[in-house]
C-alpha atoms as a PDB file:
ATOM      1  CA  MET A   1      -0.185   0.195  -0.110  1.00  0.00           C
ATOM      2  CA  PRO A   2       2.047   3.281  -1.130  1.00  0.00           C
ATOM      3  CA  LEU A   3       2.513   5.677   1.630  1.00  0.00           C
ATOM      4  CA  ILE A   4       2.379   9.258   0.654  1.00  0.00           C
ATOM      5  CA  GLY A   5       4.456  12.257   2.876  1.00  0.00           C
ATOM      6  CA  VAL A   6       2.673  15.727   2.915  1.00  0.00           C
ATOM      7  CA  LEU A   7       3.802  18.995   4.107  1.00  0.00           C
ATOM      8  CA  SER A   8       3.504  22.594   3.696  1.00  0.00           C
ATOM      9  CA  ASP A   9       4.693  25.980   4.649  1.00  0.00           C
ATOM     10  CA  THR A  10       8.188  25.117   5.191  1.00  0.00           C
ATOM     11  CA  HIS A  11       9.433  28.693   4.652  1.00  0.00           C
ATOM     12  CA  GLY A  12      13.014  27.416   3.716  1.00  0.00           C
ATOM     13  CA  VAL A  13      13.454  25.101   6.515  1.00  0.00           C
ATOM     14  CA  LEU A  14      13.027  21.464   7.092  1.00  0.00           C
ATOM     15  CA  PRO A  15      12.541  19.918  10.340  1.00  0.00           C
ATOM     16  CA  GLU A  16      15.553  17.346  11.267  1.00  0.00           C
ATOM     17  CA  ALA A  17      13.162  14.359  11.392  1.00  0.00           C
ATOM     18  CA  TYR A  18      12.052  14.973   7.807  1.00  0.00           C
ATOM     19  CA  LYS A  19      14.452  12.414   6.563  1.00  0.00           C
ATOM     20  CA  THR A  20      13.039   9.587   9.202  1.00  0.00           C
ATOM     21  CA  PHE A  21       9.578  10.488   8.790  1.00  0.00           C
ATOM     22  CA  PHE A  22       9.732  10.557   4.827  1.00  0.00           C
ATOM     23  CA  GLU A  23      12.088   7.688   4.106  1.00  0.00           C
ATOM     24  CA  GLY A  24       9.188   4.898   3.830  1.00  0.00           C
ATOM     25  CA  CYS A  25       7.175   6.951   1.306  1.00  0.00           C
ATOM     26  CA  ASP A  26       6.574   6.127  -2.182  1.00  0.00           C
ATOM     27  CA  GLU A  27       5.954   9.908  -2.725  1.00  0.00           C
ATOM     28  CA  ILE A  28       6.199  13.408  -0.944  1.00  0.00           C
ATOM     29  CA  TRP A  29       3.823  16.167  -1.498  1.00  0.00           C
ATOM     30  CA  HIS A  30       4.451  19.788  -0.588  1.00  0.00           C
ATOM     31  CA  ALA A  31       1.901  22.242  -0.736  1.00  0.00           C
ATOM     32  CA  GLY A  32       3.528  25.966  -1.381  1.00  0.00           C
ATOM     33  CA  ASP A  33       5.056  28.342   0.541  1.00  0.00           C
ATOM     34  CA  VAL A  34       8.560  26.254   0.225  1.00  0.00           C
ATOM     35  CA  GLY A  35      10.795  29.164   0.749  1.00  0.00           C
ATOM     36  CA  ASP A  36      13.907  27.990  -0.779  1.00  0.00           C
ATOM     37  CA  ILE A  37      14.526  25.651  -3.617  1.00  0.00           C
ATOM     38  CA  ALA A  38      17.280  23.702  -1.340  1.00  0.00           C
ATOM     39  CA  VAL A  39      13.945  22.285   0.477  1.00  0.00           C
ATOM     40  CA  LEU A  40      12.635  20.617  -2.598  1.00  0.00           C
ATOM     41  CA  GLU A  41      15.923  19.485  -3.476  1.00  0.00           C
ATOM     42  CA  LYS A  42      16.617  17.674  -0.046  1.00  0.00           C
ATOM     43  CA  LEU A  43      12.945  16.189  -0.347  1.00  0.00           C
ATOM     44  CA  SER A  44      13.759  15.035  -3.778  1.00  0.00           C
ATOM     45  CA  GLY A  45      16.845  13.363  -2.605  1.00  0.00           C
ATOM     46  CA  ILE A  46      14.504  11.186  -0.252  1.00  0.00           C
ATOM     47  CA  LYS A  47      11.745  10.203  -2.932  1.00  0.00           C
ATOM     48  CA  PRO A  48       9.851  11.879  -5.840  1.00  0.00           C
ATOM     49  CA  VAL A  49       8.118  15.100  -5.052  1.00  0.00           C
ATOM     50  CA  LYS A  50       5.195  17.217  -6.165  1.00  0.00           C
ATOM     51  CA  ALA A  51       4.985  20.581  -5.255  1.00  0.00           C
ATOM     52  CA  VAL A  52       3.637  23.771  -5.921  1.00  0.00           C
ATOM     53  CA  TYR A  53       4.310  27.230  -4.968  1.00  0.00           C
ATOM     54  CA  GLY A  54       2.724  29.646  -2.049  1.00  0.00           C
ATOM     55  CA  ASN A  55       2.639  33.122  -1.913  1.00  0.00           C
ATOM     56  CA  ILE A  56       5.717  33.873  -0.484  1.00  0.00           C
ATOM     57  CA  ASP A  57       7.681  31.819  -3.234  1.00  0.00           C
ATOM     58  CA  GLY A  58       9.927  33.643  -5.581  1.00  0.00           C
ATOM     59  CA  GLN A  59      10.616  32.922  -9.163  1.00  0.00           C
ATOM     60  CA  LYS A  60      13.184  30.351  -8.704  1.00  0.00           C
ATOM     61  CA  ILE A  61      10.576  28.091  -7.077  1.00  0.00           C
ATOM     62  CA  ARG A  62       8.114  28.978  -9.294  1.00  0.00           C
ATOM     63  CA  GLN A  63      10.083  27.833 -12.360  1.00  0.00           C
ATOM     64  CA  PHE A  64      10.162  24.189 -10.804  1.00  0.00           C
ATOM     65  CA  THR A  65       6.241  24.308  -9.674  1.00  0.00           C
ATOM     66  CA  SER A  66       2.908  25.355 -10.533  1.00  0.00           C
ATOM     67  CA  PRO A  67       0.152  27.254  -8.987  1.00  0.00           C
ATOM     68  CA  TYR A  68      -1.783  24.023  -8.789  1.00  0.00           C
ATOM     69  CA  LEU A  69      -1.616  20.036  -9.620  1.00  0.00           C
ATOM     70  CA  PHE A  70      -4.631  18.094 -10.345  1.00  0.00           C
ATOM     71  CA  PHE A  71      -3.580  14.147 -11.004  1.00  0.00           C
ATOM     72  CA  ASN A  72      -4.503  10.564 -10.032  1.00  0.00           C
ATOM     73  CA  TYR A  73      -2.708   8.735  -7.641  1.00  0.00           C
ATOM     74  CA  GLY A  74      -4.224   5.113  -7.831  1.00  0.00           C
ATOM     75  CA  GLU A  75      -7.968   5.633  -7.792  1.00  0.00           C
ATOM     76  CA  VAL A  76      -7.833   8.853  -5.899  1.00  0.00           C
ATOM     77  CA  LYS A  77      -7.872  12.284  -7.748  1.00  0.00           C
ATOM     78  CA  VAL A  78      -6.056  14.862  -6.067  1.00  0.00           C
ATOM     79  CA  LEU A  79      -6.063  18.737  -6.268  1.00  0.00           C
ATOM     80  CA  LEU A  80      -2.962  20.143  -4.730  1.00  0.00           C
ATOM     81  CA  ARG A  81      -2.717  23.938  -4.232  1.00  0.00           C
ATOM     82  CA  HIS A  82      -1.404  26.329  -1.656  1.00  0.00           C
ATOM     83  CA  ILE A  83      -4.494  28.568  -0.681  1.00  0.00           C
ATOM     84  CA  VAL A  84      -7.750  26.659  -0.605  1.00  0.00           C
ATOM     85  CA  GLY A  85      -9.532  27.947   2.422  1.00  0.00           C
ATOM     86  CA  ARG A  86     -11.338  25.175   4.347  1.00  0.00           C
ATOM     87  CA  PRO A  87     -14.664  23.336   3.894  1.00  0.00           C
ATOM     88  CA  GLY A  88     -17.666  25.420   4.106  1.00  0.00           C
ATOM     89  CA  SER A  89     -15.409  28.506   3.444  1.00  0.00           C
ATOM     90  CA  TYR A  90     -13.192  27.992   0.309  1.00  0.00           C
ATOM     91  CA  ILE A  91     -11.890  30.678  -1.490  1.00  0.00           C
ATOM     92  CA  PRO A  92     -13.827  31.568  -4.640  1.00  0.00           C
ATOM     93  CA  ASP A  93     -11.505  30.211  -7.372  1.00  0.00           C
ATOM     94  CA  ALA A  94     -10.567  27.129  -5.106  1.00  0.00           C
ATOM     95  CA  ARG A  95     -14.415  26.595  -4.482  1.00  0.00           C
ATOM     96  CA  LYS A  96     -15.091  26.507  -8.818  1.00  0.00           C
ATOM     97  CA  GLN A  97     -11.887  24.323  -9.165  1.00  0.00           C
ATOM     98  CA  ILE A  98     -13.329  21.660  -6.723  1.00  0.00           C
ATOM     99  CA  SER A  99     -16.924  22.387  -8.625  1.00  0.00           C
ATOM    100  CA  ILE A 100     -15.457  21.412 -11.651  1.00  0.00           C
ATOM    101  CA  LEU A 101     -12.495  18.913 -10.942  1.00  0.00           C
ATOM    102  CA  LYS A 102     -14.350  17.134  -8.355  1.00  0.00           C
ATOM    103  CA  PRO A 103     -11.299  15.689  -6.512  1.00  0.00           C
ATOM    104  CA  ASP A 104     -11.446  13.085  -3.955  1.00  0.00           C
ATOM    105  CA  LEU A 105      -8.766  14.244  -1.975  1.00  0.00           C
ATOM    106  CA  VAL A 106      -7.500  18.305  -1.785  1.00  0.00           C
ATOM    107  CA  VAL A 107      -4.299  18.903  -0.211  1.00  0.00           C
ATOM    108  CA  CYS A 108      -3.692  22.723   0.693  1.00  0.00           C
ATOM    109  CA  GLY A 109      -1.616  24.626   3.154  1.00  0.00           C
ATOM    110  CA  HIS A 110      -1.135  28.539   4.091  1.00  0.00           C
ATOM    111  CA  SER A 111      -3.193  28.705   7.228  1.00  0.00           C
ATOM    112  CA  HIS A 112      -0.223  27.062   9.189  1.00  0.00           C
ATOM    113  CA  ILE A 113      -3.252  25.252  11.155  1.00  0.00           C
ATOM    114  CA  LEU A 114      -3.223  21.088  10.593  1.00  0.00           C
ATOM    115  CA  LEU A 115      -6.739  20.376   9.395  1.00  0.00           C
ATOM    116  CA  VAL A 116      -7.989  16.875   8.362  1.00  0.00           C
ATOM    117  CA  LYS A 117     -11.588  16.814   7.553  1.00  0.00           C
ATOM    118  CA  TYR A 118     -14.212  15.182   5.461  1.00  0.00           C
ATOM    119  CA  ASP A 119     -16.132  17.670   3.423  1.00  0.00           C
ATOM    120  CA  GLU A 120     -19.559  15.870   3.049  1.00  0.00           C
ATOM    121  CA  LYS A 121     -20.882  18.744   0.564  1.00  0.00           C
ATOM    122  CA  ASN A 122     -18.359  18.372  -1.907  1.00  0.00           C
ATOM    123  CA  ASN A 123     -17.505  14.471  -1.225  1.00  0.00           C
ATOM    124  CA  LEU A 124     -13.908  14.948  -0.392  1.00  0.00           C
ATOM    125  CA  LEU A 125     -11.103  14.734   2.059  1.00  0.00           C
ATOM    126  CA  HIS A 126      -9.499  17.990   2.865  1.00  0.00           C
ATOM    127  CA  VAL A 127      -5.948  17.878   4.358  1.00  0.00           C
ATOM    128  CA  ASN A 128      -4.048  20.708   5.213  1.00  0.00           C
ATOM    129  CA  PRO A 129      -0.683  19.618   6.784  1.00  0.00           C
ATOM    130  CA  GLY A 130      -0.057  22.726   8.782  1.00  0.00           C
ATOM    131  CA  ALA A 131       3.425  24.033   8.928  1.00  0.00           C
ATOM    132  CA  ALA A 132       6.702  22.234   8.557  1.00  0.00           C
ATOM    133  CA  GLY A 133       8.887  25.429   8.952  1.00  0.00           C
ATOM    134  CA  ASN A 134       9.695  27.765  11.656  1.00  0.00           C
ATOM    135  CA  SER A 135       8.336  30.850  10.690  1.00  0.00           C
ATOM    136  CA  GLY A 136       4.705  31.976  11.478  1.00  0.00           C
ATOM    137  CA  PHE A 137       2.297  32.262  14.332  1.00  0.00           C
ATOM    138  CA  HIS A 138       1.729  28.260  14.840  1.00  0.00           C
ATOM    139  CA  LYS A 139       2.601  26.649  17.707  1.00  0.00           C
ATOM    140  CA  MET A 140       3.655  23.387  16.495  1.00  0.00           C
ATOM    141  CA  ILE A 141       5.534  22.177  13.639  1.00  0.00           C
ATOM    142  CA  THR A 142       3.777  19.268  11.762  1.00  0.00           C
ATOM    143  CA  MET A 143       3.944  16.642   8.678  1.00  0.00           C
ATOM    144  CA  LEU A 144       1.565  14.036   7.844  1.00  0.00           C
ATOM    145  CA  ARG A 145       1.949  10.742   6.048  1.00  0.00           C
ATOM    146  CA  PHE A 146      -0.811   8.372   4.981  1.00  0.00           C
ATOM    147  CA  ARG A 147      -1.465   5.376   2.627  1.00  0.00           C
ATOM    148  CA  ILE A 148      -3.621   5.370  -0.437  1.00  0.00           C
ATOM    149  CA  GLU A 149      -5.062   1.888  -1.728  1.00  0.00           C
ATOM    150  CA  GLY A 150      -7.395   1.953  -4.659  1.00  0.00           C
ATOM    151  CA  ARG A 151      -9.875   4.480  -3.518  1.00  0.00           C
ATOM    152  CA  SER A 152      -9.129   4.156   0.321  1.00  0.00           C
ATOM    153  CA  ILE A 153      -6.877   6.827   2.149  1.00  0.00           C
ATOM    154  CA  SER A 154      -5.755   5.516   5.559  1.00  0.00           C
ATOM    155  CA  ASN A 155      -3.525   5.242   8.750  1.00  0.00           C
ATOM    156  CA  MET A 156      -3.068   8.987   8.759  1.00  0.00           C
ATOM    157  CA  GLU A 157       0.294   9.740  10.898  1.00  0.00           C
ATOM    158  CA  ILE A 158       1.298  13.234  12.290  1.00  0.00           C
ATOM    159  CA  TRP A 159       4.758  14.321  13.169  1.00  0.00           C
ATOM    160  CA  GLU A 160       4.537  17.185  15.231  1.00  0.00           C
ATOM    161  CA  LYS A 161       7.052  18.975  17.712  1.00  0.00           C
ATOM    162  CA  PRO A 162       6.720  22.313  19.593  1.00  0.00           C
ATOM    163  CA  ARG A 163       7.771  25.546  17.243  1.00  0.00           C
ATOM    164  CA  MET A 164      11.024  27.420  18.475  1.00  0.00           C
ATOM    165  CA  LYS A 165      10.236  30.900  19.236  1.00  0.00           C
ATOM    166  CA  THR A 166      12.572  33.449  17.786  1.00  0.00           C
ATOM    167  CA  ILE A 167      13.301  36.462  19.288  1.00  0.00           C
END
């Protein structure tokens, strides 16, 4: 059963545990605000990476990423983009995209808030892995991994640690 690693909002910094947490994964998905191309290079050194750019990402990162990706992973239709909102409160263009593409899984970032929630209205699983970097207001640094088999998404695991406060 394939294992997928998911992270977002690294802002140029990966937590030390990224290698061990993602080493058994088949792919790693980064939902934007990469911050430094070295982050994608390090992740690609472990497993294949799918990544989108976020609002803080400059031209160097945008050369290697896109604003969103829509793809099938097995039988699961996946929409990966940085800014989406959350179930019941999607931003207008994400709401339109979800309506047209009808993904089974939406993976996003931006809020720095870990949220995994089933969206009954749109019949999809909404996954925001929170923030894996140290920049922002979040209290915990988080990353996720889960299994996909057929149309099933299961065994969701969270890696977390308290964010270091900077002065």
